[in-house]
């Protein structure tokens, strides 16, 4: 953060609470440093030396976001300068949540660093989509914002969520999954938020409370009914739940990851999915390619599952014949990696 001044102090607190590491630097010290995203408060003295900024920005590997007054943005040449050199800009007074979302999107665009030595559950494959996915997950894991994972059935969306959790500060806390597509509509609320049952009013905790401190995966979130979507939206906004029998709401610290096979934009247009919930869940997005598009991974995965099957059964793992490999390559794999694993 360059020349953040008082205007940016509320943002620093929000970012640190969300897991960001924030450094207050001068432009000289930041330009040659190894940071992911730079936030600069543009002021009069910057505008008087635009050529110096134009020399410094190409030297840095980070994406830059500008904060400036609306009047300054209207000044001659300033608008063009900002649009040319900055990933995004915000005028004062800025909205903290919108600026945080802008920073997170900039982070995704940065050329990612190599993955950490410990990435949790292994995303097998050496195809370009999987290598890029591993690098992206290493960037997103430390951030507490919701992540929306897109992919076909069986492609590995839960594995991605587990990898995010394993690389995060929450790795030693619970990882809780709720399959929204597998629950009866009348029981979804109780599964998420808990319930009181029986004559003794014994309380059962919901999945959200069970995930406190950790990560909650909402698998196939597009299948949630609209009334439950409203309840989930309220939780995401307030980060509190009302437990049965309690008079005060309970604060919950959890990272929410959602996964879907659906085109949620289409679901929003057809009024099957709330637009406000979609925007809450999709600040950060991850996609996983179907197996048929992961050229080169098929044989590696097939050998992996054959080895796992041999360990489970005590049988010797067999190698694949050339004819078998050709047959694997011709199959379309509509069930993706899950289908391949089930054929072991």
Protein backbone atom coordinates (compact mmCIF):
# COMPACT_ATOMS: atom_id res chain seq x y z
CA UNK A 1 0.00 0.00 0.00
CA UNK A 2 1.49 3.29 -1.17
CA UNK A 3 0.55 6.59 0.50
CA UNK A 4 -2.57 5.01 1.98
CA UNK A 5 -3.15 7.85 4.46
CA UNK A 6 -6.23 7.98 6.64
CA UNK A 7 -8.64 7.13 3.83
CA UNK A 8 -7.29 3.57 3.59
CA UNK A 9 -7.03 2.68 7.27
CA UNK A 10 -10.47 0.95 7.43
CA UNK A 11 -9.45 -1.15 4.43
CA UNK A 12 -6.25 -2.33 6.13
CA UNK A 13 -8.25 -3.79 9.02
CA UNK A 14 -10.67 -5.57 6.68
CA UNK A 15 -7.85 -7.03 4.57
CA UNK A 16 -5.87 -8.28 7.55
CA UNK A 17 -8.99 -9.90 9.02
CA UNK A 18 -9.50 -11.66 5.67
CA UNK A 19 -5.98 -13.11 5.74
CA UNK A 20 -4.05 -10.60 3.61
CA UNK A 21 -0.55 -9.47 4.49
CA UNK A 22 -0.46 -5.69 4.10
CA UNK A 23 2.70 -3.57 3.96
CA UNK A 24 2.75 0.23 4.05
CA UNK A 25 5.54 1.23 1.64
CA UNK A 26 6.92 4.14 -0.30
CA UNK A 27 6.75 3.91 -4.06
CA UNK A 28 10.55 3.62 -4.23
CA UNK A 29 10.69 0.61 -1.92
CA UNK A 30 7.65 -1.14 -3.42
CA UNK A 31 8.50 -0.91 -7.12
CA UNK A 32 11.31 -3.46 -6.99
CA UNK A 33 9.82 -5.65 -4.22
CA UNK A 34 8.09 -9.01 -4.63
CA UNK A 35 4.43 -8.21 -3.91
CA UNK A 36 1.29 -9.50 -5.57
CA UNK A 37 -0.94 -6.42 -5.70
CA UNK A 38 -0.16 -2.74 -5.20
CA UNK A 39 -2.66 -0.16 -3.96
CA UNK A 40 -1.68 3.48 -4.38
CA UNK A 41 -3.46 6.64 -3.29
CA UNK A 42 -2.77 8.99 -6.19
CA UNK A 43 -2.25 12.60 -5.14
CA UNK A 44 -1.20 15.92 -6.66
CA UNK A 45 2.54 15.21 -6.49
CA UNK A 46 2.06 11.96 -8.44
CA UNK A 47 0.23 13.80 -11.22
CA UNK A 48 3.11 16.24 -11.55
CA UNK A 49 5.53 13.37 -12.24
CA UNK A 50 3.52 10.88 -14.31
CA UNK A 51 6.60 9.96 -16.36
CA UNK A 52 8.28 8.61 -13.21
CA UNK A 53 5.32 6.36 -12.50
CA UNK A 54 5.35 5.14 -16.09
CA UNK A 55 8.99 4.12 -15.62
CA UNK A 56 8.39 2.34 -12.31
CA UNK A 57 5.25 0.33 -13.05
CA UNK A 58 6.71 -1.90 -15.80
CA UNK A 59 9.54 -2.90 -13.43
CA UNK A 60 7.15 -4.40 -10.92
CA UNK A 61 5.46 -7.77 -11.32
CA UNK A 62 2.34 -6.74 -9.43
CA UNK A 63 -1.06 -5.51 -10.51
CA UNK A 64 -1.78 -1.94 -9.46
CA UNK A 65 -5.05 -0.47 -8.17
CA UNK A 66 -5.51 3.29 -7.77
CA UNK A 67 -7.49 5.31 -5.25
CA UNK A 68 -8.07 8.95 -6.16
CA UNK A 69 -10.62 11.73 -5.90
CA UNK A 70 -13.35 12.07 -8.51
CA UNK A 71 -12.06 15.57 -9.35
CA UNK A 72 -8.56 14.25 -9.99
CA UNK A 73 -9.93 11.54 -12.26
CA UNK A 74 -11.51 14.25 -14.42
CA UNK A 75 -8.22 16.12 -14.85
CA UNK A 76 -6.63 16.22 -18.28
CA UNK A 77 -4.68 13.05 -19.15
CA UNK A 78 -5.28 11.51 -15.69
CA UNK A 79 -8.19 9.32 -16.79
CA UNK A 80 -6.18 7.94 -19.72
CA UNK A 81 -3.16 7.37 -17.47
CA UNK A 82 -5.20 5.44 -14.90
CA UNK A 83 -6.92 3.28 -17.54
CA UNK A 84 -3.58 2.47 -19.16
CA UNK A 85 -1.53 1.53 -16.11
CA UNK A 86 -3.99 0.29 -13.47
CA UNK A 87 -5.90 -2.95 -13.16
CA UNK A 88 -8.75 -1.01 -11.50
CA UNK A 89 -9.42 2.31 -9.78
CA UNK A 90 -11.73 3.61 -7.05
CA UNK A 91 -12.77 7.17 -6.28
CA UNK A 92 -12.94 8.60 -2.78
CA UNK A 93 -14.80 7.90 -0.61
CA UNK A 94 -14.49 4.27 -1.70
CA UNK A 95 -16.59 1.26 -0.70
CA UNK A 96 -14.41 -1.08 1.38
CA UNK A 97 -16.14 -4.27 0.24
CA UNK A 98 -15.95 -3.35 -3.43
CA UNK A 99 -12.30 -2.43 -3.16
CA UNK A 100 -11.54 -5.70 -1.36
CA UNK A 101 -13.24 -7.61 -4.19
CA UNK A 102 -11.17 -5.65 -6.72
CA UNK A 103 -7.95 -6.56 -4.91
CA UNK A 104 -8.91 -10.24 -4.87
CA UNK A 105 -9.64 -10.25 -8.60
CA UNK A 106 -6.29 -8.57 -9.23
CA UNK A 107 -4.60 -11.31 -7.21
CA UNK A 108 -6.01 -13.98 -9.53
CA UNK A 109 -4.56 -12.15 -12.55
CA UNK A 110 -1.03 -12.03 -11.14
CA UNK A 111 1.39 -14.55 -12.59
CA UNK A 112 1.16 -17.09 -9.78
CA UNK A 113 4.06 -18.33 -7.76
CA UNK A 114 4.95 -22.01 -7.64
CA UNK A 115 2.74 -24.05 -5.32
CA UNK A 116 3.72 -24.57 -1.73
CA UNK A 117 5.56 -27.75 -0.85
CA UNK A 118 2.49 -29.06 0.96
CA UNK A 119 -0.71 -28.70 -1.02
CA UNK A 120 -2.92 -31.12 0.84
CA UNK A 121 -5.04 -33.51 -1.26
CA UNK A 122 -3.20 -34.14 -4.50
CA UNK A 123 -4.56 -32.81 -7.79
CA UNK A 124 -2.96 -35.34 -10.10
CA UNK A 125 -2.04 -34.40 -13.63
CA UNK A 126 0.52 -32.53 -15.69
CA UNK A 127 -1.80 -31.06 -18.30
CA UNK A 128 -1.75 -27.29 -18.63
CA UNK A 129 -5.22 -26.83 -17.04
CA UNK A 130 -4.20 -28.76 -13.93
CA UNK A 131 -0.84 -27.06 -13.57
CA UNK A 132 -2.50 -23.66 -13.82
CA UNK A 133 -5.17 -24.76 -11.35
CA UNK A 134 -2.59 -25.82 -8.77
CA UNK A 135 -0.83 -22.47 -9.04
CA UNK A 136 -4.11 -20.57 -8.72
CA UNK A 137 -5.18 -22.53 -5.62
CA UNK A 138 -1.90 -21.70 -3.90
CA UNK A 139 -2.80 -18.02 -4.36
CA UNK A 140 -6.43 -18.26 -3.27
CA UNK A 141 -5.94 -20.54 -0.26
CA UNK A 142 -4.78 -17.85 2.23
CA UNK A 143 -7.78 -15.58 1.47
CA UNK A 144 -10.96 -16.07 3.49
CA UNK A 145 -13.40 -14.81 0.85
CA UNK A 146 -15.93 -17.27 -0.62
CA UNK A 147 -14.86 -19.27 -3.66
CA UNK A 148 -17.16 -20.62 -6.36
CA UNK A 149 -15.87 -23.83 -8.01
CA UNK A 150 -17.32 -24.70 -11.43
CA UNK A 151 -17.08 -28.04 -13.16
CA UNK A 152 -18.93 -31.07 -14.45
CA UNK A 153 -20.04 -33.95 -12.25
CA UNK A 154 -17.10 -36.07 -11.13
CA UNK A 155 -14.46 -33.60 -12.31
CA UNK A 156 -12.97 -33.06 -8.84
CA UNK A 157 -14.70 -30.02 -7.35
CA UNK A 158 -14.59 -31.38 -3.79
CA UNK A 159 -10.89 -32.18 -4.18
CA UNK A 160 -10.29 -28.54 -5.13
CA UNK A 161 -12.16 -27.38 -2.02
CA UNK A 162 -10.12 -29.74 0.16
CA UNK A 163 -6.92 -28.45 -1.40
CA UNK A 164 -7.94 -24.85 -0.63
CA UNK A 165 -8.66 -25.84 2.97
CA UNK A 166 -5.41 -27.80 3.38
CA UNK A 167 -3.31 -24.84 2.20
CA UNK A 168 -5.14 -22.27 4.34
CA UNK A 169 -4.69 -21.11 7.93
CA UNK A 170 -7.80 -23.22 8.70
CA UNK A 171 -6.11 -26.50 7.78
CA UNK A 172 -6.29 -27.85 11.35
CA UNK A 173 -9.98 -26.97 11.72
CA UNK A 174 -13.04 -28.84 10.41
CA UNK A 175 -13.76 -29.32 6.72
CA UNK A 176 -17.50 -29.90 6.41
CA UNK A 177 -19.39 -30.88 3.25
CA UNK A 178 -23.09 -30.58 2.58
CA UNK A 179 -24.44 -32.03 -0.66
CA UNK A 180 -27.28 -29.65 -1.50
CA UNK A 181 -28.51 -31.96 -4.28
CA UNK A 182 -28.90 -34.97 -2.00
CA UNK A 183 -31.07 -33.44 0.73
CA UNK A 184 -34.84 -33.36 0.90
CA UNK A 185 -36.09 -29.80 0.68
CA UNK A 186 -37.74 -29.93 4.11
CA UNK A 187 -34.49 -30.90 5.83
CA UNK A 188 -32.01 -28.52 4.22
CA UNK A 189 -32.53 -25.70 6.74
CA UNK A 190 -31.97 -28.04 9.70
CA UNK A 191 -28.87 -29.48 8.04
CA UNK A 192 -27.39 -26.03 7.62
CA UNK A 193 -28.52 -24.24 10.76
CA UNK A 194 -29.47 -26.96 13.27
CA UNK A 195 -32.74 -27.93 14.90
CA UNK A 196 -34.48 -28.99 18.09
CA UNK A 197 -35.95 -32.48 18.09
CA UNK A 198 -38.10 -34.60 20.35
CA UNK A 199 -39.99 -33.90 23.53
CA UNK A 200 -36.74 -33.06 25.33
CA UNK A 201 -35.96 -30.38 22.72
CA UNK A 202 -32.50 -31.85 22.22
CA UNK A 203 -30.55 -29.54 19.95
CA UNK A 204 -28.67 -30.83 16.92
CA UNK A 205 -26.05 -28.49 15.47
CA UNK A 206 -26.08 -27.65 11.79
CA UNK A 207 -23.25 -28.00 9.31
CA UNK A 208 -22.44 -24.27 9.46
CA UNK A 209 -21.84 -24.41 13.21
CA UNK A 210 -19.96 -27.72 12.86
CA UNK A 211 -17.57 -25.99 10.45
CA UNK A 212 -16.80 -23.14 12.88
CA UNK A 213 -13.16 -22.15 12.47
CA UNK A 214 -12.80 -24.19 9.30
CA UNK A 215 -14.27 -24.51 5.83
CA UNK A 216 -17.82 -25.29 4.68
CA UNK A 217 -18.31 -26.74 1.20
CA UNK A 218 -21.77 -26.26 -0.29
CA UNK A 219 -21.68 -28.87 -3.03
CA UNK A 220 -24.12 -28.30 -5.91
CA UNK A 221 -25.23 -25.00 -4.41
CA UNK A 222 -27.42 -24.37 -7.44
CA UNK A 223 -29.86 -26.98 -6.16
CA UNK A 224 -30.73 -25.00 -3.01
CA UNK A 225 -34.38 -23.90 -2.91
CA UNK A 226 -34.98 -20.17 -3.03
CA UNK A 227 -36.08 -19.80 0.60
CA UNK A 228 -32.90 -21.52 1.79
CA UNK A 229 -30.87 -19.29 -0.53
CA UNK A 230 -32.30 -16.30 1.35
CA UNK A 231 -31.26 -17.84 4.69
CA UNK A 232 -27.75 -18.53 3.36
CA UNK A 233 -27.44 -14.98 2.03
CA UNK A 234 -28.36 -13.56 5.43
CA UNK A 235 -25.70 -15.72 7.08
CA UNK A 236 -23.03 -14.62 4.58
CA UNK A 237 -23.88 -10.99 5.25
CA UNK A 238 -24.11 -11.23 9.06
CA UNK A 239 -21.85 -14.24 9.81
CA UNK A 240 -24.23 -15.23 12.60
CA UNK A 241 -26.76 -18.01 13.11
CA UNK A 242 -29.75 -18.20 15.44
CA UNK A 243 -29.53 -21.47 17.32
CA UNK A 244 -32.77 -23.08 18.57
CA UNK A 245 -33.38 -22.17 22.20
CA UNK A 246 -30.82 -19.35 22.29
CA UNK A 247 -31.82 -15.71 22.71
CA UNK A 248 -28.71 -14.26 21.09
CA UNK A 249 -27.28 -15.04 17.62
CA UNK A 250 -24.03 -16.98 17.55
CA UNK A 251 -21.09 -15.58 15.56
CA UNK A 252 -19.57 -18.14 13.19
CA UNK A 253 -16.07 -17.95 11.72
CA UNK A 254 -16.07 -20.09 8.58
CA UNK A 255 -14.85 -19.92 5.02
CA UNK A 256 -17.61 -20.79 2.57
CA UNK A 257 -16.74 -22.62 -0.64
CA UNK A 258 -19.52 -23.38 -3.11
CA UNK A 259 -19.41 -25.84 -6.00
CA UNK A 260 -21.73 -26.18 -8.97
CA UNK A 261 -22.15 -28.03 -12.24
CA UNK A 262 -24.82 -25.53 -13.28
CA UNK A 263 -24.55 -22.30 -15.22
CA UNK A 264 -25.58 -20.04 -12.34
CA UNK A 265 -25.79 -16.95 -14.55
CA UNK A 266 -28.55 -18.68 -16.50
CA UNK A 267 -30.19 -19.78 -13.26
CA UNK A 268 -30.16 -16.14 -12.11
CA UNK A 269 -31.80 -14.98 -15.35
CA UNK A 270 -34.48 -17.67 -14.98
CA UNK A 271 -35.09 -16.61 -11.35
CA UNK A 272 -33.99 -20.02 -10.02
CA UNK A 273 -31.00 -18.58 -8.18
CA UNK A 274 -30.77 -15.32 -6.27
CA UNK A 275 -28.62 -12.71 -7.98
CA UNK A 276 -27.42 -11.22 -4.67
CA UNK A 277 -26.36 -14.66 -3.41
CA UNK A 278 -24.56 -15.35 -6.68
CA UNK A 279 -22.47 -12.20 -6.28
CA UNK A 280 -21.70 -13.07 -2.65
CA UNK A 281 -20.41 -16.52 -3.62
CA UNK A 282 -18.59 -15.69 -6.85
CA UNK A 283 -16.08 -12.99 -5.85
CA UNK A 284 -13.40 -15.63 -6.46
CA UNK A 285 -14.02 -18.35 -9.04
CA UNK A 286 -12.20 -21.54 -9.98
CA UNK A 287 -12.96 -23.86 -12.87
CA UNK A 288 -11.80 -27.41 -13.46
CA UNK A 289 -11.62 -28.81 -16.97
CA UNK A 290 -13.44 -32.06 -17.80
CA UNK A 291 -11.26 -35.13 -18.16
CA UNK A 292 -11.74 -35.24 -21.95
CA UNK A 293 -9.94 -31.87 -22.19
CA UNK A 294 -7.04 -32.78 -19.92
CA UNK A 295 -4.79 -34.22 -22.61
CA UNK A 296 -2.00 -36.29 -21.13
CA UNK A 297 -3.58 -36.82 -17.70
CA UNK A 298 -5.68 -39.86 -18.58
CA UNK A 299 -2.91 -42.46 -18.51
CA UNK A 300 -1.39 -40.98 -15.33
CA UNK A 301 -4.77 -41.12 -13.56
CA UNK A 302 -5.55 -44.60 -14.84
CA UNK A 303 -2.24 -45.92 -13.50
CA UNK A 304 -2.85 -44.13 -10.20
CA UNK A 305 -6.26 -45.73 -9.68
CA UNK A 306 -4.92 -49.13 -10.74
CA UNK A 307 -2.22 -48.79 -8.06
CA UNK A 308 -4.79 -47.73 -5.42
CA UNK A 309 -7.02 -50.67 -6.35
CA UNK A 310 -4.10 -53.10 -6.08
CA UNK A 311 -3.24 -51.81 -2.60
CA UNK A 312 -6.84 -52.13 -1.44
CA UNK A 313 -7.26 -55.67 -2.77
CA UNK A 314 -3.74 -57.00 -2.25
CA UNK A 315 -3.49 -57.84 -5.94
CA UNK A 316 -0.59 -56.97 -8.17
CA UNK A 317 -1.20 -53.88 -10.29
CA UNK A 318 -1.45 -54.64 -13.99
CA UNK A 319 -0.06 -52.40 -16.71
CA UNK A 320 -2.33 -51.24 -19.51
CA UNK A 321 -1.93 -52.70 -22.99
CA UNK A 322 -1.67 -50.41 -25.99
CA UNK A 323 -5.18 -51.38 -27.06
CA UNK A 324 -6.51 -50.50 -23.60
CA UNK A 325 -4.83 -47.10 -23.70
CA UNK A 326 -6.33 -46.41 -27.13
CA UNK A 327 -9.78 -47.36 -25.82
CA UNK A 328 -9.34 -45.04 -22.83
CA UNK A 329 -8.47 -42.18 -25.15
CA UNK A 330 -11.50 -42.74 -27.36
CA UNK A 331 -13.99 -42.72 -24.49
CA UNK A 332 -15.67 -39.37 -23.78
CA UNK A 333 -15.70 -39.82 -19.96
CA UNK A 334 -19.01 -38.07 -19.17
CA UNK A 335 -18.51 -38.99 -15.50
CA UNK A 336 -14.98 -37.56 -15.56
CA UNK A 337 -12.41 -38.67 -12.95
CA UNK A 338 -15.09 -40.30 -10.78
CA UNK A 339 -16.05 -42.57 -13.68
CA UNK A 340 -12.43 -43.48 -14.32
CA UNK A 341 -11.88 -44.32 -10.65
CA UNK A 342 -14.98 -46.51 -10.54
CA UNK A 343 -13.66 -48.64 -13.39
CA UNK A 344 -10.64 -49.70 -11.38
